N, C-alpha and C. Protein backbone atom coordinates (compact mmCIF):
# COMPACT_ATOMS: atom_id res chain seq x y z
N MET A 1 0.85 -1.17 0.00
CA MET A 1 0.00 0.00 0.00
C MET A 1 0.90 1.23 0.00
N ASN A 2 1.20 1.78 -1.17
CA ASN A 2 2.06 2.96 -1.18
C ASN A 2 1.28 4.25 -1.37
N GLY A 3 -0.02 4.16 -1.46
CA GLY A 3 -0.82 5.37 -1.40
C GLY A 3 -1.37 5.92 -2.69
N LYS A 4 -1.01 5.37 -3.82
CA LYS A 4 -1.54 5.88 -5.08
C LYS A 4 -2.95 5.36 -5.30
N LYS A 5 -3.75 6.14 -6.00
CA LYS A 5 -5.11 5.72 -6.32
C LYS A 5 -5.04 4.40 -7.08
N GLY A 6 -5.82 3.42 -6.62
CA GLY A 6 -5.85 2.11 -7.25
C GLY A 6 -4.89 1.10 -6.66
N ASP A 7 -4.00 1.53 -5.76
CA ASP A 7 -3.02 0.60 -5.18
C ASP A 7 -3.65 -0.39 -4.22
N HIS A 8 -4.59 0.07 -3.41
CA HIS A 8 -5.18 -0.78 -2.38
C HIS A 8 -6.60 -0.33 -2.12
N PRO A 9 -7.52 -1.28 -1.94
CA PRO A 9 -8.91 -0.91 -1.70
C PRO A 9 -9.11 0.03 -0.51
N LEU A 10 -8.39 -0.20 0.58
CA LEU A 10 -8.58 0.67 1.75
C LEU A 10 -8.12 2.09 1.48
N THR A 11 -7.01 2.25 0.80
CA THR A 11 -6.54 3.60 0.46
C THR A 11 -7.54 4.29 -0.46
N ASP A 12 -8.06 3.54 -1.41
CA ASP A 12 -9.05 4.12 -2.33
C ASP A 12 -10.27 4.62 -1.57
N ILE A 13 -10.77 3.83 -0.63
CA ILE A 13 -11.98 4.17 0.11
C ILE A 13 -11.71 5.26 1.14
N LEU A 14 -10.67 5.09 1.94
CA LEU A 14 -10.44 5.97 3.09
C LEU A 14 -9.74 7.28 2.73
N HIS A 15 -8.79 7.22 1.82
CA HIS A 15 -8.02 8.42 1.50
C HIS A 15 -8.56 9.12 0.25
N TRP A 16 -8.71 8.35 -0.82
CA TRP A 16 -9.10 8.94 -2.09
C TRP A 16 -10.61 9.11 -2.23
N LYS A 17 -11.39 8.48 -1.32
CA LYS A 17 -12.86 8.55 -1.38
C LYS A 17 -13.39 8.07 -2.73
N THR A 18 -12.72 7.06 -3.28
CA THR A 18 -13.10 6.49 -4.57
C THR A 18 -14.00 5.29 -4.33
N LEU A 19 -15.06 5.17 -5.10
CA LEU A 19 -15.94 4.01 -5.01
C LEU A 19 -15.16 2.77 -5.44
N ARG A 20 -15.10 1.79 -4.56
CA ARG A 20 -14.33 0.58 -4.86
C ARG A 20 -15.24 -0.64 -5.04
N PHE A 21 -16.21 -0.82 -4.15
CA PHE A 21 -17.08 -1.99 -4.21
C PHE A 21 -18.52 -1.58 -4.51
N SER A 22 -19.12 -0.87 -3.59
CA SER A 22 -20.46 -0.30 -3.73
C SER A 22 -20.56 0.79 -2.69
N PRO A 23 -21.50 1.72 -2.82
CA PRO A 23 -21.62 2.75 -1.79
C PRO A 23 -21.82 2.15 -0.40
N ALA A 24 -22.65 1.11 -0.29
CA ALA A 24 -22.90 0.50 1.01
C ALA A 24 -21.66 -0.20 1.56
N ALA A 25 -21.00 -1.00 0.73
CA ALA A 25 -19.81 -1.72 1.19
C ALA A 25 -18.70 -0.75 1.58
N ASP A 26 -18.48 0.27 0.77
CA ASP A 26 -17.43 1.24 1.08
C ASP A 26 -17.72 1.97 2.39
N ALA A 27 -18.98 2.34 2.62
CA ALA A 27 -19.35 3.02 3.87
C ALA A 27 -19.15 2.09 5.06
N LEU A 28 -19.52 0.83 4.92
CA LEU A 28 -19.33 -0.13 6.00
C LEU A 28 -17.85 -0.32 6.31
N ILE A 29 -17.03 -0.40 5.28
CA ILE A 29 -15.59 -0.55 5.47
C ILE A 29 -15.03 0.66 6.23
N ALA A 30 -15.45 1.85 5.85
CA ALA A 30 -14.98 3.06 6.55
C ALA A 30 -15.41 3.03 8.01
N GLU A 31 -16.63 2.59 8.29
CA GLU A 31 -17.10 2.50 9.68
C GLU A 31 -16.29 1.47 10.46
N ILE A 32 -16.03 0.33 9.85
CA ILE A 32 -15.26 -0.72 10.52
C ILE A 32 -13.88 -0.20 10.89
N VAL A 33 -13.24 0.50 9.99
CA VAL A 33 -11.91 1.05 10.28
C VAL A 33 -12.00 2.07 11.41
N ARG A 34 -13.01 2.95 11.38
CA ARG A 34 -13.18 3.94 12.46
C ARG A 34 -13.41 3.28 13.81
N LEU A 35 -14.01 2.09 13.80
CA LEU A 35 -14.26 1.36 15.04
C LEU A 35 -13.06 0.52 15.47
N GLY A 36 -11.95 0.64 14.77
CA GLY A 36 -10.73 -0.08 15.14
C GLY A 36 -10.62 -1.47 14.56
N GLY A 37 -11.40 -1.76 13.52
CA GLY A 37 -11.44 -3.10 12.98
C GLY A 37 -10.66 -3.34 11.70
N GLN A 38 -9.72 -2.47 11.37
CA GLN A 38 -8.99 -2.64 10.11
C GLN A 38 -8.26 -3.97 10.04
N SER A 39 -7.57 -4.34 11.09
CA SER A 39 -6.82 -5.60 11.09
C SER A 39 -7.77 -6.79 10.91
N GLU A 40 -8.88 -6.77 11.64
CA GLU A 40 -9.86 -7.84 11.52
C GLU A 40 -10.44 -7.89 10.11
N LEU A 41 -10.72 -6.74 9.55
CA LEU A 41 -11.25 -6.65 8.19
C LEU A 41 -10.29 -7.29 7.19
N GLU A 42 -9.01 -6.95 7.32
CA GLU A 42 -8.01 -7.48 6.38
C GLU A 42 -7.75 -8.97 6.59
N LYS A 43 -7.96 -9.46 7.80
CA LYS A 43 -7.82 -10.90 8.05
C LYS A 43 -9.03 -11.67 7.52
N ALA A 44 -10.20 -11.06 7.59
CA ALA A 44 -11.44 -11.74 7.21
C ALA A 44 -11.65 -11.81 5.70
N PHE A 45 -11.15 -10.81 4.98
CA PHE A 45 -11.43 -10.73 3.55
C PHE A 45 -10.18 -10.46 2.73
N ASP A 46 -10.15 -11.04 1.55
CA ASP A 46 -9.16 -10.65 0.55
C ASP A 46 -9.80 -9.48 -0.18
N LEU A 47 -9.42 -8.27 0.15
CA LEU A 47 -10.06 -7.08 -0.41
C LEU A 47 -9.78 -6.91 -1.90
N PHE A 48 -8.81 -7.64 -2.41
CA PHE A 48 -8.55 -7.60 -3.85
C PHE A 48 -9.45 -8.56 -4.61
N SER A 49 -10.08 -9.49 -3.88
CA SER A 49 -10.99 -10.46 -4.49
C SER A 49 -12.07 -10.84 -3.48
N PRO A 50 -12.96 -9.91 -3.17
CA PRO A 50 -13.97 -10.16 -2.14
C PRO A 50 -15.04 -11.14 -2.64
N PRO A 51 -15.85 -11.64 -1.71
CA PRO A 51 -16.96 -12.51 -2.11
C PRO A 51 -17.99 -11.73 -2.92
N PRO A 52 -19.00 -12.42 -3.46
CA PRO A 52 -20.06 -11.70 -4.17
C PRO A 52 -20.62 -10.56 -3.32
N LEU A 53 -20.98 -9.48 -3.98
CA LEU A 53 -21.31 -8.23 -3.30
C LEU A 53 -22.36 -8.38 -2.20
N ALA A 54 -23.45 -9.09 -2.45
CA ALA A 54 -24.50 -9.23 -1.44
C ALA A 54 -23.96 -9.93 -0.19
N LEU A 55 -23.17 -10.97 -0.38
CA LEU A 55 -22.57 -11.68 0.76
C LEU A 55 -21.55 -10.80 1.47
N PHE A 56 -20.77 -10.07 0.70
CA PHE A 56 -19.75 -9.18 1.25
C PHE A 56 -20.40 -8.10 2.11
N GLU A 57 -21.43 -7.44 1.58
CA GLU A 57 -22.12 -6.39 2.33
C GLU A 57 -22.73 -6.95 3.61
N ASP A 58 -23.33 -8.14 3.54
CA ASP A 58 -23.93 -8.75 4.72
C ASP A 58 -22.87 -9.04 5.78
N ALA A 59 -21.75 -9.61 5.37
CA ALA A 59 -20.67 -9.91 6.32
C ALA A 59 -20.08 -8.63 6.90
N LEU A 60 -19.92 -7.60 6.07
CA LEU A 60 -19.41 -6.31 6.56
C LEU A 60 -20.38 -5.71 7.57
N ARG A 61 -21.67 -5.79 7.28
CA ARG A 61 -22.69 -5.24 8.18
C ARG A 61 -22.65 -5.94 9.54
N ARG A 62 -22.52 -7.28 9.51
CA ARG A 62 -22.44 -8.02 10.77
C ARG A 62 -21.18 -7.65 11.55
N MET A 63 -20.05 -7.51 10.85
CA MET A 63 -18.80 -7.12 11.51
C MET A 63 -18.93 -5.73 12.11
N ARG A 64 -19.47 -4.79 11.35
CA ARG A 64 -19.65 -3.42 11.85
C ARG A 64 -20.56 -3.40 13.08
N ASN A 65 -21.67 -4.13 13.01
CA ASN A 65 -22.61 -4.15 14.13
C ASN A 65 -21.96 -4.72 15.39
N ARG A 66 -21.18 -5.78 15.24
CA ARG A 66 -20.50 -6.38 16.39
C ARG A 66 -19.46 -5.42 16.96
N LEU A 67 -18.66 -4.80 16.10
CA LEU A 67 -17.65 -3.85 16.58
C LEU A 67 -18.30 -2.65 17.26
N TYR A 68 -19.41 -2.19 16.72
CA TYR A 68 -20.13 -1.06 17.32
C TYR A 68 -20.63 -1.45 18.71
N LYS A 69 -21.23 -2.63 18.82
CA LYS A 69 -21.73 -3.11 20.11
C LYS A 69 -20.59 -3.23 21.12
N GLU A 70 -19.47 -3.81 20.69
CA GLU A 70 -18.32 -3.96 21.59
C GLU A 70 -17.77 -2.60 22.01
N ALA A 71 -17.73 -1.66 21.10
CA ALA A 71 -17.24 -0.32 21.43
C ALA A 71 -18.14 0.35 22.46
N LYS A 72 -19.45 0.24 22.28
CA LYS A 72 -20.40 0.81 23.24
C LYS A 72 -20.23 0.17 24.62
N GLU A 73 -20.04 -1.14 24.64
CA GLU A 73 -19.87 -1.86 25.90
C GLU A 73 -18.59 -1.44 26.62
N ARG A 74 -17.57 -1.03 25.87
CA ARG A 74 -16.32 -0.56 26.47
C ARG A 74 -16.38 0.91 26.86
N GLY A 75 -17.51 1.54 26.57
CA GLY A 75 -17.68 2.93 26.97
C GLY A 75 -17.32 3.95 25.91
N TRP A 76 -17.05 3.51 24.69
CA TRP A 76 -16.76 4.45 23.61
C TRP A 76 -18.01 5.27 23.32
N GLU A 77 -17.81 6.51 22.97
CA GLU A 77 -18.90 7.33 22.46
C GLU A 77 -18.88 7.20 20.95
N VAL A 78 -19.75 6.36 20.43
CA VAL A 78 -19.78 6.12 18.98
C VAL A 78 -21.07 6.61 18.37
């Protein structure tokens, strides 16, 4: 990940604000990273070859919801 547009899906979404997967998937990925889940995200998915979009969005939504719940339980203001 050296930072150029198109180098890495996370850089495209988080830095360049470029649509990479879908508006919903990209927004979920940004939320997951904000909740501290970047490492988990990268372990769970090959972002260069993700699953079919509907399955990907569903899995991202579940990950985001779990991270959000855990953050609230730890006292984060999210």
